[in-house]
Amino acid sequence: IHLSAKAKIGLRIHGRIHLVNDVLPLKKEQAEKIIFQLINTSENKDKLLLHRELDFSYEHKDSTTLRGNAYFKRGNISVALRIIEKNLKSIDELGLPSVVYKLIRQKQGLVIITGPTGSGKSTTLAALVDYINQHSVQHIVTIEDPVEYLFEPKKSVFSQRELGSDTLSFSNALRSVLRQDPDIVVIGEMRDPETIMTAMELAETGHLVFGTFHTSGAAQTVARLVANFPPEQHAYVYGRLADVLVGMISQRLIPKIEGGRTAIFEVVVCNSAIRNIIRSANMSQMENTIETGSSIGMVSMKRYAMDLVDKGIIKEEDVVDFFREE
């Protein structure tokens, strides 16, 4: 949902923007009133006016949760809102390959979920965490901006921390997380070198760490993570990643025949071949190794998509167009 002063309301439905033509553009005062109500607190209002942008979440009285980013454009206040589904979907409902169960049963290491904005990373991450919650006794610390899904403790204990209200930054929260006795740490976004480095340290010291990254595949994810660091540190970071990474889940959305969109996935399991590729920074070999790694559960995005074609869920021509654009 896109709201802005002096502009038509925009709705993104199945990946496409639709303008609402039967509603007049909001006046500046109307837009400000709506958005200030959504961001909810005077503290958030002050932050928005000072920094000119703000991530926030909003829960309506009917329990609908919105994730939002308020910002200014040409001096006018605007907001982009995303509706968060009330009910957590399970791993099976999302269609994730079964090898992900192996990844989330690891005692320690780093699991990265990747994909562009709006591709469903948060939904996938929530499904993985909720499975652990249902089947294992753990202390799970999440660091999010903002908190999207409020987990109901089942077998696990949760400490859900939100940037701004509970901690000043991802790096601050991660520096203190060891003193909070976690088993599992969930990092909303691996945004900066300090956050990435601390995530790797946690993964090395007996913790299972989940993080998200805005990339479209395994090879790009590794390269972009390393690119956050100065060139003289690249070899060291490649080696560190090779040691701690246990798997990567990448996802994109593609149109379904019956309407709407569905996710297609790539899953990398870090065996010795993948670790050698990462350690040597030879990313060009990653795709071929994923293709030949099906015996240990690796899934390439193309193979996953063609399986959906065979099941009559998506069209082959849409798959061809999708990978041509890639």
C-alpha atoms as a PDB file:
ATOM      1  CA  ILE A   1       0.000   0.000   0.000  1.00  0.00           C
ATOM      2  CA  HIS A   2       1.528   3.338  -1.080  1.00  0.00           C
ATOM      3  CA  LEU A   3       0.161   6.524   0.489  1.00  0.00           C
ATOM      4  CA  SER A   4       1.500   9.970  -0.257  1.00  0.00           C
ATOM      5  CA  ALA A   5       0.379  13.565  -0.091  1.00  0.00           C
ATOM      6  CA  LYS A   6      -0.880  14.916  -3.417  1.00  0.00           C
ATOM      7  CA  ALA A   7      -0.755  11.493  -5.092  1.00  0.00           C
ATOM      8  CA  LYS A   8      -3.135   8.641  -5.862  1.00  0.00           C
ATOM      9  CA  ILE A   9      -3.113   5.627  -3.563  1.00  0.00           C
ATOM     10  CA  GLY A  10      -1.122   2.733  -5.041  1.00  0.00           C
ATOM     11  CA  LEU A  11      -1.649  -0.958  -4.325  1.00  0.00           C
ATOM     12  CA  ARG A  12       0.900  -3.608  -5.271  1.00  0.00           C
ATOM     13  CA  ILE A  13      -1.012  -6.786  -6.084  1.00  0.00           C
ATOM     14  CA  HIS A  14       0.910  -9.896  -7.191  1.00  0.00           C
ATOM     15  CA  GLY A  15       3.951  -7.779  -7.999  1.00  0.00           C
ATOM     16  CA  ARG A  16       2.217  -5.048 -10.020  1.00  0.00           C
ATOM     17  CA  ILE A  17       1.249  -1.537  -8.918  1.00  0.00           C
ATOM     18  CA  HIS A  18      -2.424  -0.590  -9.364  1.00  0.00           C
ATOM     19  CA  LEU A  19      -3.545   3.016  -8.857  1.00  0.00           C
ATOM     20  CA  VAL A  20      -6.828   3.623  -7.022  1.00  0.00           C
ATOM     21  CA  ASN A  21      -8.569   5.987  -9.431  1.00  0.00           C
ATOM     22  CA  ASP A  22     -11.910   6.341  -7.628  1.00  0.00           C
ATOM     23  CA  VAL A  23     -10.342   7.995  -4.557  1.00  0.00           C
ATOM     24  CA  LEU A  24      -9.040  11.561  -4.723  1.00  0.00           C
ATOM     25  CA  PRO A  25      -5.341  12.129  -3.933  1.00  0.00           C
ATOM     26  CA  LEU A  26      -4.718  12.797  -0.247  1.00  0.00           C
ATOM     27  CA  LYS A  27      -4.221  16.380   0.841  1.00  0.00           C
ATOM     28  CA  LYS A  28      -1.000  17.097   2.729  1.00  0.00           C
ATOM     29  CA  GLU A  29      -2.857  17.414   6.049  1.00  0.00           C
ATOM     30  CA  GLN A  30      -4.756  14.141   5.452  1.00  0.00           C
ATOM     31  CA  ALA A  31      -1.569  12.226   4.631  1.00  0.00           C
ATOM     32  CA  GLU A  32       0.201  13.583   7.703  1.00  0.00           C
ATOM     33  CA  LYS A  33      -2.713  12.675   9.996  1.00  0.00           C
ATOM     34  CA  ILE A  34      -2.931   9.093   8.671  1.00  0.00           C
ATOM     35  CA  ILE A  35       0.806   8.433   8.735  1.00  0.00           C
ATOM     36  CA  PHE A  36       1.372   9.962  12.181  1.00  0.00           C
ATOM     37  CA  GLN A  37      -1.434   7.742  13.502  1.00  0.00           C
ATOM     38  CA  LEU A  38       0.234   4.699  11.952  1.00  0.00           C
ATOM     39  CA  ILE A  39       3.693   5.384  13.391  1.00  0.00           C
ATOM     40  CA  ASN A  40       1.883   5.518  16.705  1.00  0.00           C
ATOM     41  CA  THR A  41       4.215   7.329  19.135  1.00  0.00           C
ATOM     42  CA  SER A  42       5.546  10.852  19.532  1.00  0.00           C
ATOM     43  CA  GLU A  43       9.042   9.332  19.750  1.00  0.00           C
ATOM     44  CA  ASN A  44       8.619   7.759  16.305  1.00  0.00           C
ATOM     45  CA  LYS A  45       7.211  11.010  14.940  1.00  0.00           C
ATOM     46  CA  ASP A  46      10.280  12.877  16.220  1.00  0.00           C
ATOM     47  CA  LYS A  47      12.586  10.272  14.645  1.00  0.00           C
ATOM     48  CA  LEU A  48      10.799  10.581  11.309  1.00  0.00           C
ATOM     49  CA  LEU A  49      10.993  14.367  11.312  1.00  0.00           C
ATOM     50  CA  LEU A  50      14.674  14.266  12.300  1.00  0.00           C
ATOM     51  CA  HIS A  51      15.939  11.458  10.045  1.00  0.00           C
ATOM     52  CA  ARG A  52      13.317  11.872   7.258  1.00  0.00           C
ATOM     53  CA  GLU A  53      12.610   8.118   7.145  1.00  0.00           C
ATOM     54  CA  LEU A  54      11.405   5.494   9.609  1.00  0.00           C
ATOM     55  CA  ASP A  55      10.807   1.734   9.680  1.00  0.00           C
ATOM     56  CA  PHE A  56       7.890   0.768  11.913  1.00  0.00           C
ATOM     57  CA  SER A  57       5.175  -1.809  12.531  1.00  0.00           C
ATOM     58  CA  TYR A  58       1.514  -1.177  13.303  1.00  0.00           C
ATOM     59  CA  GLU A  59      -1.100  -3.515  14.723  1.00  0.00           C
ATOM     60  CA  HIS A  60      -4.737  -2.699  13.973  1.00  0.00           C
ATOM     61  CA  LYS A  61      -7.469  -3.498  16.509  1.00  0.00           C
ATOM     62  CA  ASP A  62      -8.542  -6.453  14.300  1.00  0.00           C
ATOM     63  CA  SER A  63      -5.001  -7.868  14.820  1.00  0.00           C
ATOM     64  CA  THR A  64      -3.886  -7.056  11.274  1.00  0.00           C
ATOM     65  CA  THR A  65      -0.178  -6.202  11.372  1.00  0.00           C
ATOM     66  CA  LEU A  66       1.418  -3.759   8.943  1.00  0.00           C
ATOM     67  CA  ARG A  67       5.100  -3.250   8.301  1.00  0.00           C
ATOM     68  CA  GLY A  68       5.842   0.250   7.106  1.00  0.00           C
ATOM     69  CA  ASN A  69       8.486   2.671   5.959  1.00  0.00           C
ATOM     70  CA  ALA A  70       7.589   6.347   6.280  1.00  0.00           C
ATOM     71  CA  TYR A  71       9.659   8.863   4.322  1.00  0.00           C
ATOM     72  CA  PHE A  72       9.564  12.214   2.573  1.00  0.00           C
ATOM     73  CA  LYS A  73       9.591  12.928  -1.137  1.00  0.00           C
ATOM     74  CA  ARG A  74       9.774  16.487  -2.457  1.00  0.00           C
ATOM     75  CA  GLY A  75       8.890  17.680   1.032  1.00  0.00           C
ATOM     76  CA  ASN A  76       5.716  15.577   1.310  1.00  0.00           C
ATOM     77  CA  ILE A  77       5.255  12.749   3.801  1.00  0.00           C
ATOM     78  CA  SER A  78       4.732   9.277   2.303  1.00  0.00           C
ATOM     79  CA  VAL A  79       4.509   5.680   3.480  1.00  0.00           C
ATOM     80  CA  ALA A  80       4.881   2.203   2.011  1.00  0.00           C
ATOM     81  CA  LEU A  81       2.935  -0.432   3.949  1.00  0.00           C
ATOM     82  CA  ARG A  82       3.043  -4.216   3.741  1.00  0.00           C
ATOM     83  CA  ILE A  83       0.368  -6.430   5.275  1.00  0.00           C
ATOM     84  CA  ILE A  84       1.843  -9.219   7.416  1.00  0.00           C
ATOM     85  CA  GLU A  85      -0.215 -12.406   7.431  1.00  0.00           C
ATOM     86  CA  LYS A  86      -1.705 -13.254  10.820  1.00  0.00           C
ATOM     87  CA  ASN A  87      -1.143 -16.980  10.620  1.00  0.00           C
ATOM     88  CA  LEU A  88       2.351 -18.352  10.250  1.00  0.00           C
ATOM     89  CA  LYS A  89       2.691 -20.720   7.332  1.00  0.00           C
ATOM     90  CA  SER A  90       4.510 -23.989   7.856  1.00  0.00           C
ATOM     91  CA  ILE A  91       7.615 -25.105   5.993  1.00  0.00           C
ATOM     92  CA  ASP A  92       5.521 -27.567   3.993  1.00  0.00           C
ATOM     93  CA  GLU A  93       2.812 -24.994   3.195  1.00  0.00           C
ATOM     94  CA  LEU A  94       5.465 -22.704   1.737  1.00  0.00           C
ATOM     95  CA  GLY A  95       6.780 -25.548  -0.424  1.00  0.00           C
ATOM     96  CA  LEU A  96      10.317 -25.338   0.931  1.00  0.00           C
ATOM     97  CA  PRO A  97      12.526 -28.292  -0.071  1.00  0.00           C
ATOM     98  CA  SER A  98      12.721 -30.921   2.661  1.00  0.00           C
ATOM     99  CA  VAL A  99      16.490 -30.440   3.080  1.00  0.00           C
ATOM    100  CA  VAL A 100      15.766 -27.262   5.083  1.00  0.00           C
ATOM    101  CA  TYR A 101      14.824 -29.522   8.006  1.00  0.00           C
ATOM    102  CA  LYS A 102      18.452 -30.659   8.023  1.00  0.00           C
ATOM    103  CA  LEU A 103      19.654 -27.047   8.148  1.00  0.00           C
ATOM    104  CA  ILE A 104      17.484 -26.009  11.087  1.00  0.00           C
ATOM    105  CA  ARG A 105      18.448 -29.083  13.118  1.00  0.00           C
ATOM    106  CA  GLN A 106      22.090 -28.002  13.170  1.00  0.00           C
ATOM    107  CA  LYS A 107      23.492 -27.210  16.601  1.00  0.00           C
ATOM    108  CA  GLN A 108      25.601 -24.319  15.342  1.00  0.00           C
ATOM    109  CA  GLY A 109      26.473 -22.416  12.209  1.00  0.00           C
ATOM    110  CA  LEU A 110      25.064 -19.709   9.961  1.00  0.00           C
ATOM    111  CA  VAL A 111      21.960 -20.077   7.758  1.00  0.00           C
ATOM    112  CA  ILE A 112      21.239 -17.196   5.362  1.00  0.00           C
ATOM    113  CA  ILE A 113      17.857 -16.532   3.729  1.00  0.00           C
ATOM    114  CA  THR A 114      18.168 -14.336   0.654  1.00  0.00           C
ATOM    115  CA  GLY A 115      15.931 -12.690  -1.887  1.00  0.00           C
ATOM    116  CA  PRO A 116      14.854  -9.267  -3.144  1.00  0.00           C
ATOM    117  CA  THR A 117      12.575  -7.031  -1.077  1.00  0.00           C
ATOM    118  CA  GLY A 118       9.054  -8.465  -1.035  1.00  0.00           C
ATOM    119  CA  SER A 119      10.073 -11.991  -2.023  1.00  0.00           C
ATOM    120  CA  GLY A 120       8.894 -13.582   1.230  1.00  0.00           C
ATOM    121  CA  LYS A 121      12.155 -13.873   3.200  1.00  0.00           C
ATOM    122  CA  SER A 122      10.459 -12.890   6.461  1.00  0.00           C
ATOM    123  CA  THR A 123       7.711 -15.465   5.918  1.00  0.00           C
ATOM    124  CA  THR A 124      10.262 -18.201   5.271  1.00  0.00           C
ATOM    125  CA  LEU A 125      12.364 -17.210   8.270  1.00  0.00           C
ATOM    126  CA  ALA A 126       9.260 -17.189  10.497  1.00  0.00           C
ATOM    127  CA  ALA A 127       8.317 -20.695   9.298  1.00  0.00           C
ATOM    128  CA  LEU A 128      11.793 -22.025  10.141  1.00  0.00           C
ATOM    129  CA  VAL A 129      11.795 -20.414  13.590  1.00  0.00           C
ATOM    130  CA  ASP A 130       8.263 -21.583  14.380  1.00  0.00           C
ATOM    131  CA  TYR A 131       9.181 -25.169  13.473  1.00  0.00           C
ATOM    132  CA  ILE A 132      12.022 -25.011  15.988  1.00  0.00           C
ATOM    133  CA  ASN A 133       9.605 -23.481  18.495  1.00  0.00           C
ATOM    134  CA  GLN A 134       7.218 -26.420  18.058  1.00  0.00           C
ATOM    135  CA  HIS A 135       9.821 -29.180  18.250  1.00  0.00           C
ATOM    136  CA  SER A 136      12.757 -28.047  20.375  1.00  0.00           C
ATOM    137  CA  VAL A 137      13.479 -26.428  23.748  1.00  0.00           C
ATOM    138  CA  GLN A 138      15.662 -23.421  22.922  1.00  0.00           C
ATOM    139  CA  HIS A 139      16.182 -19.811  23.914  1.00  0.00           C
ATOM    140  CA  ILE A 140      15.645 -17.889  20.673  1.00  0.00           C
ATOM    141  CA  VAL A 141      16.767 -14.251  20.533  1.00  0.00           C
ATOM    142  CA  THR A 142      15.522 -12.238  17.558  1.00  0.00           C
ATOM    143  CA  ILE A 143      16.799  -8.792  16.574  1.00  0.00           C
ATOM    144  CA  GLU A 144      14.434  -7.167  14.100  1.00  0.00           C
ATOM    145  CA  ASP A 145      13.616  -3.834  12.462  1.00  0.00           C
ATOM    146  CA  PRO A 146      10.710  -3.902  13.138  1.00  0.00           C
ATOM    147  CA  VAL A 147       9.356  -7.076  14.781  1.00  0.00           C
ATOM    148  CA  GLU A 148       6.992  -8.624  12.224  1.00  0.00           C
ATOM    149  CA  TYR A 149       5.741 -11.894  13.690  1.00  0.00           C
ATOM    150  CA  LEU A 150       5.125 -12.228  17.415  1.00  0.00           C
ATOM    151  CA  PHE A 151       5.919 -15.839  18.267  1.00  0.00           C
ATOM    152  CA  GLU A 152       3.822 -17.636  20.843  1.00  0.00           C
ATOM    153  CA  PRO A 153       6.188 -19.747  22.968  1.00  0.00           C
ATOM    154  CA  LYS A 154       5.486 -23.446  22.523  1.00  0.00           C
ATOM    155  CA  LYS A 155       8.558 -25.460  23.469  1.00  0.00           C
ATOM    156  CA  SER A 156      11.020 -22.574  23.107  1.00  0.00           C
ATOM    157  CA  VAL A 157      11.557 -19.325  25.010  1.00  0.00           C
ATOM    158  CA  PHE A 158      11.698 -16.082  23.004  1.00  0.00           C
ATOM    159  CA  SER A 159      13.425 -12.739  23.451  1.00  0.00           C
ATOM    160  CA  GLN A 160      12.195 -10.615  20.536  1.00  0.00           C
ATOM    161  CA  ARG A 161      14.036  -7.304  20.356  1.00  0.00           C
ATOM    162  CA  GLU A 162      13.117  -4.401  18.104  1.00  0.00           C
ATOM    163  CA  LEU A 163      15.496  -1.804  16.759  1.00  0.00           C
ATOM    164  CA  GLY A 164      14.753   1.582  18.288  1.00  0.00           C
ATOM    165  CA  SER A 165      12.560   0.520  21.195  1.00  0.00           C
ATOM    166  CA  ASP A 166      14.700  -2.347  22.579  1.00  0.00           C
ATOM    167  CA  THR A 167      18.156  -1.725  21.130  1.00  0.00           C
ATOM    168  CA  LEU A 168      19.919   1.068  19.253  1.00  0.00           C
ATOM    169  CA  SER A 169      21.406  -1.052  16.457  1.00  0.00           C
ATOM    170  CA  PHE A 170      21.899  -4.599  15.215  1.00  0.00           C
ATOM    171  CA  SER A 171      25.578  -4.408  16.139  1.00  0.00           C
ATOM    172  CA  ASN A 172      24.806  -3.189  19.688  1.00  0.00           C
ATOM    173  CA  ALA A 173      22.288  -5.992  20.212  1.00  0.00           C
ATOM    174  CA  LEU A 174      24.669  -8.625  18.870  1.00  0.00           C
ATOM    175  CA  ARG A 175      27.528  -7.437  21.086  1.00  0.00           C
ATOM    176  CA  SER A 176      25.417  -8.152  24.173  1.00  0.00           C
ATOM    177  CA  VAL A 177      23.532 -11.237  22.970  1.00  0.00           C
ATOM    178  CA  LEU A 178      26.056 -13.735  24.386  1.00  0.00           C
ATOM    179  CA  ARG A 179      25.258 -12.483  27.881  1.00  0.00           C
ATOM    180  CA  GLN A 180      21.595 -13.315  27.249  1.00  0.00           C
ATOM    181  CA  ASP A 181      22.293 -17.073  27.073  1.00  0.00           C
ATOM    182  CA  PRO A 182      20.853 -17.758  23.583  1.00  0.00           C
ATOM    183  CA  ASP A 183      20.768 -21.055  21.714  1.00  0.00           C
ATOM    184  CA  ILE A 184      19.541 -19.511  18.467  1.00  0.00           C
ATOM    185  CA  VAL A 185      19.981 -15.937  17.223  1.00  0.00           C
ATOM    186  CA  VAL A 186      17.820 -14.471  14.444  1.00  0.00           C
ATOM    187  CA  ILE A 187      19.138 -11.319  12.764  1.00  0.00           C
ATOM    188  CA  GLY A 188      16.580  -9.406  10.735  1.00  0.00           C
ATOM    189  CA  GLU A 189      19.167  -8.017   8.312  1.00  0.00           C
ATOM    190  CA  MET A 190      22.930  -8.451   7.977  1.00  0.00           C
ATOM    191  CA  ARG A 191      23.493  -4.816   7.071  1.00  0.00           C
ATOM    192  CA  ASP A 192      27.070  -3.924   7.934  1.00  0.00           C
ATOM    193  CA  PRO A 193      30.525  -5.438   8.526  1.00  0.00           C
ATOM    194  CA  GLU A 194      30.206  -5.467  12.321  1.00  0.00           C
ATOM    195  CA  THR A 195      26.854  -7.288  12.206  1.00  0.00           C
ATOM    196  CA  ILE A 196      28.198  -9.830   9.694  1.00  0.00           C
ATOM    197  CA  MET A 197      31.378 -10.423  11.688  1.00  0.00           C
ATOM    198  CA  THR A 198      29.506 -10.842  14.981  1.00  0.00           C
ATOM    199  CA  ALA A 199      27.050 -13.252  13.327  1.00  0.00           C
ATOM    200  CA  MET A 200      29.995 -15.389  12.209  1.00  0.00           C
ATOM    201  CA  GLU A 201      31.510 -15.289  15.702  1.00  0.00           C
ATOM    202  CA  LEU A 202      28.205 -16.445  17.225  1.00  0.00           C
ATOM    203  CA  ALA A 203      27.991 -19.247  14.660  1.00  0.00           C
ATOM    204  CA  GLU A 204      31.495 -20.371  15.629  1.00  0.00           C
ATOM    205  CA  THR A 205      30.774 -20.448  19.347  1.00  0.00           C
ATOM    206  CA  GLY A 206      27.979 -23.003  19.578  1.00  0.00           C
ATOM    207  CA  HIS A 207      24.986 -21.003  18.319  1.00  0.00           C
ATOM    208  CA  LEU A 208      22.700 -21.477  15.339  1.00  0.00           C
ATOM    209  CA  VAL A 209      22.359 -18.102  13.624  1.00  0.00           C
ATOM    210  CA  PHE A 210      19.778 -17.100  11.012  1.00  0.00           C
ATOM    211  CA  GLY A 211      20.212 -13.950   8.947  1.00  0.00           C
ATOM    212  CA  THR A 212      18.644 -12.362   5.876  1.00  0.00           C
ATOM    213  CA  PHE A 213      20.303 -10.616   2.960  1.00  0.00           C
ATOM    214  CA  HIS A 214      18.932  -8.756  -0.078  1.00  0.00           C
ATOM    215  CA  THR A 215      20.461 -10.835  -2.860  1.00  0.00           C
ATOM    216  CA  SER A 216      19.000 -13.186  -5.464  1.00  0.00           C
ATOM    217  CA  GLY A 217      21.187 -16.293  -5.210  1.00  0.00           C
ATOM    218  CA  ALA A 218      23.924 -18.097  -3.314  1.00  0.00           C
ATOM    219  CA  ALA A 219      26.936 -16.920  -5.331  1.00  0.00           C
ATOM    220  CA  GLN A 220      25.823 -13.291  -5.259  1.00  0.00           C
ATOM    221  CA  THR A 221      25.114 -13.556  -1.527  1.00  0.00           C
ATOM    222  CA  VAL A 222      28.639 -14.675  -0.661  1.00  0.00           C
ATOM    223  CA  ALA A 223      30.226 -12.077  -2.943  1.00  0.00           C
ATOM    224  CA  ARG A 224      28.069  -9.243  -1.577  1.00  0.00           C
ATOM    225  CA  LEU A 225      28.660 -10.238   2.050  1.00  0.00           C
ATOM    226  CA  VAL A 226      32.403 -10.140   1.501  1.00  0.00           C
ATOM    227  CA  ALA A 227      32.159  -6.870  -0.445  1.00  0.00           C
ATOM    228  CA  ASN A 228      31.024  -5.158   2.781  1.00  0.00           C
ATOM    229  CA  PHE A 229      34.619  -5.419   3.995  1.00  0.00           C
ATOM    230  CA  PRO A 230      37.804  -3.642   2.838  1.00  0.00           C
ATOM    231  CA  PRO A 231      39.664  -5.496   0.031  1.00  0.00           C
ATOM    232  CA  GLU A 232      42.536  -6.468   2.322  1.00  0.00           C
ATOM    233  CA  GLN A 233      40.071  -8.442   4.496  1.00  0.00           C
ATOM    234  CA  HIS A 234      38.329 -10.330   1.676  1.00  0.00           C
ATOM    235  CA  ALA A 235      40.436 -13.497   1.828  1.00  0.00           C
ATOM    236  CA  TYR A 236      39.952 -13.680   5.595  1.00  0.00           C
ATOM    237  CA  VAL A 237      36.157 -13.202   5.354  1.00  0.00           C
ATOM    238  CA  TYR A 238      35.803 -15.784   2.567  1.00  0.00           C
ATOM    239  CA  GLY A 239      37.642 -18.267   4.791  1.00  0.00           C
ATOM    240  CA  ARG A 240      35.565 -17.409   7.844  1.00  0.00           C
ATOM    241  CA  LEU A 241      32.318 -17.796   5.884  1.00  0.00           C
ATOM    242  CA  ALA A 242      33.461 -21.140   4.501  1.00  0.00           C
ATOM    243  CA  ASP A 243      33.968 -22.367   8.067  1.00  0.00           C
ATOM    244  CA  VAL A 244      30.670 -21.212   9.620  1.00  0.00           C
ATOM    245  CA  LEU A 245      28.100 -21.324   6.824  1.00  0.00           C
ATOM    246  CA  VAL A 246      25.828 -24.377   6.945  1.00  0.00           C
ATOM    247  CA  GLY A 247      23.363 -23.397   4.247  1.00  0.00           C
ATOM    248  CA  MET A 248      21.642 -20.732   2.151  1.00  0.00           C
ATOM    249  CA  ILE A 249      18.019 -20.486   1.062  1.00  0.00           C
ATOM    250  CA  SER A 250      17.323 -18.117  -1.834  1.00  0.00           C
ATOM    251  CA  GLN A 251      13.851 -17.319  -3.123  1.00  0.00           C
ATOM    252  CA  ARG A 252      11.988 -15.361  -5.765  1.00  0.00           C
ATOM    253  CA  LEU A 253       8.305 -15.032  -6.649  1.00  0.00           C
ATOM    254  CA  ILE A 254       6.819 -16.117  -9.980  1.00  0.00           C
ATOM    255  CA  PRO A 255       3.216 -15.965 -11.336  1.00  0.00           C
ATOM    256  CA  LYS A 256       0.967 -19.000 -10.829  1.00  0.00           C
ATOM    257  CA  ILE A 257      -1.364 -20.301 -13.541  1.00  0.00           C
ATOM    258  CA  GLU A 258      -4.387 -19.921 -11.255  1.00  0.00           C
ATOM    259  CA  GLY A 259      -3.446 -16.342 -10.332  1.00  0.00           C
ATOM    260  CA  GLY A 260      -1.261 -14.895  -7.632  1.00  0.00           C
ATOM    261  CA  ARG A 261       2.384 -15.784  -7.176  1.00  0.00           C
ATOM    262  CA  THR A 262       4.377 -18.612  -5.649  1.00  0.00           C
ATOM    263  CA  ALA A 263       7.943 -18.858  -4.398  1.00  0.00           C
ATOM    264  CA  ILE A 264      10.697 -20.705  -6.194  1.00  0.00           C
ATOM    265  CA  PHE A 265      13.690 -21.724  -4.096  1.00  0.00           C
ATOM    266  CA  GLU A 266      17.383 -22.456  -4.285  1.00  0.00           C
ATOM    267  CA  VAL A 267      18.887 -24.343  -1.355  1.00  0.00           C
ATOM    268  CA  VAL A 268      22.617 -24.725  -0.814  1.00  0.00           C
ATOM    269  CA  VAL A 269      23.976 -27.215   1.697  1.00  0.00           C
ATOM    270  CA  CYS A 270      27.550 -26.380   2.628  1.00  0.00           C
ATOM    271  CA  ASN A 271      29.518 -29.549   1.932  1.00  0.00           C
ATOM    272  CA  SER A 272      33.256 -29.664   1.278  1.00  0.00           C
ATOM    273  CA  ALA A 273      32.822 -28.672  -2.386  1.00  0.00           C
ATOM    274  CA  ILE A 274      30.821 -25.543  -1.517  1.00  0.00           C
ATOM    275  CA  ARG A 275      33.255 -24.635   1.268  1.00  0.00           C
ATOM    276  CA  ASN A 276      36.198 -24.911  -1.141  1.00  0.00           C
ATOM    277  CA  ILE A 277      34.402 -22.670  -3.645  1.00  0.00           C
ATOM    278  CA  ILE A 278      33.791 -20.038  -0.972  1.00  0.00           C
ATOM    279  CA  ARG A 279      37.306 -20.282   0.483  1.00  0.00           C
ATOM    280  CA  SER A 280      38.860 -19.832  -2.957  1.00  0.00           C
ATOM    281  CA  ALA A 281      36.340 -17.104  -3.938  1.00  0.00           C
ATOM    282  CA  ASN A 282      35.538 -19.073  -7.076  1.00  0.00           C
ATOM    283  CA  MET A 283      31.858 -18.091  -7.255  1.00  0.00           C
ATOM    284  CA  SER A 284      31.540 -19.016 -10.934  1.00  0.00           C
ATOM    285  CA  GLN A 285      31.572 -22.689  -9.890  1.00  0.00           C
ATOM    286  CA  MET A 286      28.722 -22.325  -7.400  1.00  0.00           C
ATOM    287  CA  GLU A 287      25.788 -22.858  -9.783  1.00  0.00           C
ATOM    288  CA  ASN A 288      27.224 -26.034 -11.297  1.00  0.00           C
ATOM    289  CA  THR A 289      27.989 -27.455  -7.852  1.00  0.00           C
ATOM    290  CA  ILE A 290      24.400 -26.782  -6.739  1.00  0.00           C
ATOM    291  CA  GLU A 291      23.090 -28.556  -9.856  1.00  0.00           C
ATOM    292  CA  THR A 292      25.203 -31.635  -9.156  1.00  0.00           C
ATOM    293  CA  GLY A 293      24.514 -31.620  -5.412  1.00  0.00           C
ATOM    294  CA  SER A 294      20.999 -33.085  -5.513  1.00  0.00           C
ATOM    295  CA  SER A 295      22.171 -36.290  -3.800  1.00  0.00           C
ATOM    296  CA  ILE A 296      22.671 -34.321  -0.550  1.00  0.00           C
ATOM    297  CA  GLY A 297      19.517 -32.249  -1.004  1.00  0.00           C
ATOM    298  CA  MET A 298      20.779 -29.189  -2.850  1.00  0.00           C
ATOM    299  CA  VAL A 299      18.142 -27.614  -5.080  1.00  0.00           C
ATOM    300  CA  SER A 300      18.761 -25.181  -7.921  1.00  0.00           C
ATOM    301  CA  MET A 301      16.143 -22.531  -8.594  1.00  0.00           C
ATOM    302  CA  LYS A 302      15.751 -23.644 -12.214  1.00  0.00           C
ATOM    303  CA  ARG A 303      15.146 -27.246 -11.185  1.00  0.00           C
ATOM    304  CA  TYR A 304      12.667 -26.206  -8.514  1.00  0.00           C
ATOM    305  CA  ALA A 305      10.809 -24.028 -11.048  1.00  0.00           C
ATOM    306  CA  MET A 306      10.638 -26.823 -13.637  1.00  0.00           C
ATOM    307  CA  ASP A 307       9.217 -29.164 -10.992  1.00  0.00           C
ATOM    308  CA  LEU A 308       6.400 -26.650 -10.502  1.00  0.00           C
ATOM    309  CA  VAL A 309       5.878 -26.586 -14.282  1.00  0.00           C
ATOM    310  CA  ASP A 310       5.539 -30.382 -14.276  1.00  0.00           C
ATOM    311  CA  LYS A 311       2.955 -30.097 -11.463  1.00  0.00           C
ATOM    312  CA  GLY A 312       0.904 -27.583 -13.463  1.00  0.00           C
ATOM    313  CA  ILE A 313       1.438 -24.755 -10.974  1.00  0.00           C
ATOM    314  CA  ILE A 314       3.389 -22.323 -13.190  1.00  0.00           C
ATOM    315  CA  LYS A 315       3.904 -21.917 -16.942  1.00  0.00           C
ATOM    316  CA  GLU A 316       7.142 -22.916 -18.643  1.00  0.00           C
ATOM    317  CA  GLU A 317       7.162 -19.688 -20.661  1.00  0.00           C
ATOM    318  CA  ASP A 318       7.059 -17.686 -17.411  1.00  0.00           C
ATOM    319  CA  VAL A 319      10.064 -19.644 -16.168  1.00  0.00           C
ATOM    320  CA  VAL A 320      11.930 -19.005 -19.425  1.00  0.00           C
ATOM    321  CA  ASP A 321      11.117 -15.267 -19.221  1.00  0.00           C
ATOM    322  CA  PHE A 322      12.104 -15.142 -15.549  1.00  0.00           C
ATOM    323  CA  PHE A 323      15.572 -16.614 -16.058  1.00  0.00           C
ATOM    324  CA  ARG A 324      16.133 -14.636 -19.258  1.00  0.00           C
ATOM    325  CA  GLU A 325      15.613 -11.443 -17.241  1.00  0.00           C
ATOM    326  CA  GLU A 326      18.023 -12.768 -14.593  1.00  0.00           C
END
